[in-house]
Amino acid sequence: MSVVSSRGTVVVRAELPDQPEIHELLKQLDAYQTSLYPPESNHLLGIGALLHPSVRFFVARQDGRARGCGAVKLEEGGTAEVKRMYVDPASRGLGIGKSLMRAIEETALRESVQTLRLETGIHQPEAIGLYIASGFREVMAFPPYRPDPLSRFFAKEFELPQ
């Protein structure tokens, strides 16, 4: 999948997260998250968890350079969770978040996911805007999360082909 902007073409594809460039991107995300929230309100998946067979990890690249990432963690019972969504600040406004979300949703549908869920922090209005624009609706906390005044929870239902 690709998106073309005035700054070039961005290509989104499934990749393994265990690459030095991706480690750096995730380190930026972790630093950003820890600057906004205390440890008990951060729910980060490490590289080991992202390598689990139930996780599909996506990278957005422009001119070969990683500009963003996102993952979907497949769960039991037709549910999945969006994890590790991030776009490098210098690359925001190119439609990368939308492209990553589209790749995640297409994968979820191929994997027969009926409910795609996510948790995000209250101090991330751009992320919240992306999720709402993508058709997610706010829901109560879902396992393994507990209600947290610093978190917002969202879900999107899919109708699977018969």
Protein backbone atom coordinates (compact mmCIF):
# COMPACT_ATOMS: atom_id res chain seq x y z
CA MET A 1 0.00 0.00 0.00
CA SER A 2 1.32 3.47 -0.79
CA VAL A 3 0.34 7.11 -0.38
CA VAL A 4 1.69 9.92 -2.55
CA SER A 5 2.20 13.41 -1.11
CA SER A 6 4.03 16.53 -2.19
CA ARG A 7 7.04 15.16 -0.28
CA GLY A 8 7.13 11.82 -2.11
CA THR A 9 5.67 8.35 -1.93
CA VAL A 10 5.20 6.54 1.37
CA VAL A 11 4.94 2.75 1.22
CA VAL A 12 3.37 0.72 4.04
CA ARG A 13 4.11 -2.98 4.29
CA ALA A 14 4.42 -5.77 6.84
CA GLU A 15 7.95 -6.11 8.20
CA LEU A 16 9.72 -7.66 11.15
CA PRO A 17 10.17 -5.17 13.99
CA ASP A 18 13.60 -6.49 14.95
CA GLN A 19 15.62 -4.05 12.82
CA PRO A 20 17.94 -1.30 14.11
CA GLU A 21 15.93 1.42 12.36
CA ILE A 22 12.69 0.14 13.89
CA HIS A 23 14.32 -0.11 17.32
CA GLU A 24 15.12 3.61 16.98
CA LEU A 25 11.55 4.45 15.94
CA LEU A 26 10.15 2.50 18.89
CA LYS A 27 12.65 4.19 21.21
CA GLN A 28 11.29 7.56 20.04
CA LEU A 29 7.74 6.34 20.70
CA ASP A 30 8.67 5.09 24.18
CA ALA A 31 10.34 8.42 25.04
CA TYR A 32 7.27 10.28 23.84
CA GLN A 33 4.90 8.06 25.84
CA THR A 34 6.98 8.22 29.03
CA SER A 35 7.09 12.04 28.76
CA LEU A 36 3.26 12.09 28.80
CA TYR A 37 2.26 9.28 31.18
CA PRO A 38 3.48 7.50 34.33
CA PRO A 39 4.68 3.88 33.98
CA GLU A 40 1.37 2.41 35.21
CA SER A 41 -0.45 4.17 32.35
CA ASN A 42 1.97 3.02 29.64
CA HIS A 43 1.13 -0.30 27.97
CA LEU A 44 4.05 -0.81 25.60
CA LEU A 45 4.87 -4.01 23.74
CA GLY A 46 8.58 -4.74 23.47
CA ILE A 47 10.33 -6.22 20.45
CA GLY A 48 9.91 -9.76 21.81
CA ALA A 49 6.14 -9.36 22.07
CA LEU A 50 6.00 -7.73 18.62
CA LEU A 51 7.75 -10.80 17.18
CA HIS A 52 5.05 -13.14 18.52
CA PRO A 53 3.21 -15.04 15.74
CA SER A 54 -0.08 -13.36 16.74
CA VAL A 55 1.26 -9.89 15.88
CA ARG A 56 1.37 -8.28 12.45
CA PHE A 57 3.77 -5.33 12.37
CA PHE A 58 3.73 -2.60 9.71
CA VAL A 59 6.29 0.00 8.70
CA ALA A 60 5.69 3.14 6.64
CA ARG A 61 8.75 4.07 4.57
CA GLN A 62 9.53 7.13 2.50
CA ASP A 63 12.62 6.96 0.30
CA GLY A 64 13.46 3.72 2.12
CA ARG A 65 13.53 5.37 5.54
CA ALA A 66 11.14 4.24 8.29
CA ARG A 67 8.72 7.11 9.04
CA GLY A 68 6.06 5.32 11.08
CA CYS A 69 4.86 1.99 12.43
CA GLY A 70 1.85 0.19 13.82
CA ALA A 71 0.83 -3.30 14.78
CA VAL A 72 -2.23 -5.44 15.24
CA LYS A 73 -2.23 -8.12 17.95
CA LEU A 74 -4.65 -10.92 17.11
CA GLU A 75 -6.57 -12.31 20.08
CA GLU A 76 -9.02 -15.11 20.80
CA GLY A 77 -12.69 -14.84 19.92
CA GLY A 78 -12.48 -12.63 16.84
CA THR A 79 -10.88 -9.64 18.52
CA ALA A 80 -7.60 -7.82 17.90
CA GLU A 81 -5.84 -4.80 19.35
CA VAL A 82 -4.00 -1.96 17.62
CA LYS A 83 -0.58 -1.44 19.21
CA ARG A 84 2.52 0.72 18.73
CA MET A 85 1.03 3.30 16.34
CA TYR A 86 3.59 6.05 15.76
CA VAL A 87 4.59 8.52 13.09
CA ASP A 88 7.88 10.39 13.28
CA PRO A 89 7.03 14.05 14.09
CA ALA A 90 8.88 15.33 11.00
CA SER A 91 6.69 13.07 8.82
CA ARG A 92 3.28 13.95 10.21
CA GLY A 93 0.68 15.37 7.86
CA LEU A 94 1.53 12.98 5.01
CA GLY A 95 -1.33 10.55 5.64
CA ILE A 96 1.00 7.96 7.17
CA GLY A 97 -1.24 7.30 10.20
CA LYS A 98 -4.24 6.74 7.92
CA SER A 99 -2.21 4.39 5.70
CA LEU A 100 -0.98 2.40 8.68
CA MET A 101 -4.52 2.15 10.04
CA ARG A 102 -5.79 0.99 6.64
CA ALA A 103 -3.13 -1.76 6.53
CA ILE A 104 -4.04 -2.85 10.07
CA GLU A 105 -7.77 -2.92 9.28
CA GLU A 106 -7.26 -4.86 6.03
CA THR A 107 -5.15 -7.40 7.89
CA ALA A 108 -7.73 -7.67 10.67
CA LEU A 109 -10.44 -8.38 8.09
CA ARG A 110 -8.29 -11.04 6.38
CA GLU A 111 -7.78 -12.63 9.81
CA SER A 112 -11.57 -12.69 10.46
CA VAL A 113 -11.41 -10.10 13.24
CA GLN A 114 -14.87 -8.86 14.22
CA THR A 115 -13.79 -6.27 16.80
CA LEU A 116 -10.65 -4.15 16.56
CA ARG A 117 -9.83 -2.38 19.83
CA LEU A 118 -7.23 0.03 21.13
CA GLU A 119 -6.12 2.02 24.13
CA THR A 120 -4.58 5.47 23.81
CA GLY A 121 -3.72 8.29 26.14
CA ILE A 122 -5.77 11.41 26.76
CA HIS A 123 -2.83 13.67 25.85
CA GLN A 124 -2.69 12.50 22.23
CA PRO A 125 -5.40 14.46 20.40
CA GLU A 126 -4.01 13.69 16.93
CA ALA A 127 -4.16 9.95 17.59
CA ILE A 128 -7.66 10.22 19.04
CA GLY A 129 -8.73 12.22 15.97
CA LEU A 130 -7.30 9.56 13.65
CA TYR A 131 -9.15 6.78 15.46
CA ILE A 132 -12.47 8.63 15.45
CA ALA A 133 -12.05 9.56 11.77
CA SER A 134 -11.31 5.87 11.07
CA GLY A 135 -14.69 4.87 12.53
CA PHE A 136 -13.70 3.84 16.05
CA ARG A 137 -16.12 4.58 18.87
CA GLU A 138 -15.24 5.13 22.50
CA VAL A 139 -15.85 2.13 24.79
CA MET A 140 -15.21 1.11 28.39
CA ALA A 141 -11.86 -0.36 29.39
CA PHE A 142 -11.41 -3.93 28.15
CA PRO A 143 -9.15 -6.68 29.53
CA PRO A 144 -6.30 -6.59 30.33
CA TYR A 145 -6.80 -2.87 31.00
CA ARG A 146 -8.48 -1.27 33.98
CA PRO A 147 -10.20 2.10 33.92
CA ASP A 148 -7.54 4.82 33.97
CA PRO A 149 -8.22 8.56 33.91
CA LEU A 150 -5.22 8.94 31.55
CA SER A 151 -6.54 6.40 29.02
CA ARG A 152 -9.27 6.31 26.40
CA PHE A 153 -10.50 3.07 24.88
CA PHE A 154 -11.92 2.60 21.39
CA ALA A 155 -13.38 -0.20 19.28
CA LYS A 156 -14.46 -0.74 15.71
CA GLU A 157 -16.77 -3.54 14.60
CA PHE A 158 -16.44 -5.30 11.25
CA GLU A 159 -19.05 -7.24 9.35
CA LEU A 160 -17.34 -10.33 8.02
CA PRO A 161 -18.32 -11.77 4.66
CA GLN A 162 -20.59 -14.80 4.98
